[in-house]
Amino acid sequence: MTQTLKIKRPDDWHLHLRDDAMLAAVLPETARHFARAIIMPNLVPPVVTGQQAAAYRDRIMAALPDGMTFEPLMTLYLTEDTDPDDVAAVHASGLVRAVKLYPAGATTNSASGVSDFDSVRPVLERMADIGLPLCVHGEVTSADIDIFDREAVFIDRILDPIRRSTPGLRVVMEHITTSGAVDYVLSSTADLAATITTHHLVINRNHILVGGIKPHYYCLPVAKRETHRLALVKAATSGDHRFFLGTDSAPHTDGLKENACGCAGCFTATNTLSILAEVFEREQALDKLEGFASLFGPGFYRLPVNTADLTLTKGAEVQYPDKIGVGTDTVTVFDPGFPLHWSVAD
C-alpha cells in the first residue's frame, strides 16, 4: 500500500557547499529538496568578513541551475581578529544569519579558528546584544583528550562558561553526537538548540572500524557508541523544538577520502530525506518529521517557515546514485546500510 507524507519544504541548518567545481556539483543535490541552508564558512581562505560572505553568496547563486530555487543563509568564520562592528553591520543588512565557532584544528579547514576564547568575548557580547546566533563546532582539540571525549569536555570547559558569561547569547550546538549533549540541551531554559545530522542518526563507531576502516563513514565529530546514537534518535524524533536538522553534508572527492589520511565528512545531501523518513518511521514518529526538518530550525533562527510543500511517498525501493561526478573525480553518496523506500517529490 502506498503511503504519502506531506511536509513543509525543509531547510538544512548546517551545510558544506565548498567552492568552484565542487560547489557546482553538489549544490543541485541540496537545492532539489531544501529551500534554504546555513552555509559553512570554512573555505580556504575562510569567509571572515561581510564582503567575503557576499562574494561567496554570489558564487553560490551563480552555480544554481536554471529552474531551481534556493536561498543560501550566510555565516562568518569567527577568528580572534573578527571585528564586532563588521559582524553587527552584516547582520543588520540581512546578509549574515550566524557566526561559526571552530576551535582551532578541530576539523576540515579550521586552522584559522579560535584558541584564546577570551579574545572573542567582545564579538560574542555584541552578538548577544543583537540576537545573532553562534554556531558551535563543539570539540576541544587538546592532544591529551581522547577523540571520543572531545564533545563532553568542550561542553564543560568552554561552552558552558561562555554561555554563563554571555547572557542572552543564542547558541546552536551543531552536529551533536552524545547523550551528554542531548542532556545539556534539555537542561537549558533558553537560547540553546542543537542540530543533528542524518549520518549520526544511522551510524555508530562500529560502522567506521569493524571489518576494516570505512572512510566514507569517517566524520568529525566522530560517531560514538550505539547508546549515543540511540539518544540522538530519541531527541530527533521527540518533537522537541530545540532539536532540528543540520545535515553537515560535507563532500570530499574520493581521492581525498580513500587515502592514508582520509578527510572527515559524509556526503548526505542526495538522500537525506529518504533516510530520515525511514528512521522516523522505525520510531513510529513520522508525524514528528516535519517539525525536525521544516519547522523548528526557522523557529530558532527567527525566520518564516517555507510556504511550499514537499511530499514523500513510500513504495518500491528507491535507487540513488552511488557517486556524483566532480571534474575527473567523484564524491560518494552516503550509504545508510539499509534499503530506502521513501521517495521525494515536490
Foldseek 3Di string as FASTA:
>chain_A
DKDKDKFFQFEAAAEEQAADLSNLFCLVLQQVGHAEYEYAQLYVVGAAFLVSLVVVQVRNVVSDDPPTHHHYAYEHEDALPRDLVRVVVSVVVRRHQAYEADAQPQAPNRPRHDDDVVSCLVNQLSCLVVVRAYEYQQFDDDPVDDLQCGNVVSVVPPVVVSCVVRPRHAYEDEQDAFLVVVVVLVPDDDRYAYEHALLSLQDAVCVQPPPHGDLQQFAPSHHHDPVRSVSVLCVLLVLDLRYAHHHQQDWDFPVQRPDPNHHHHHHASNCRVLSVCVSCVVVVRNVSNNSRGFNSVCVSSVHDTHPDMKMKMFDPFDDDDQWTDRVPTITGHDDSPDTGGIDIDD
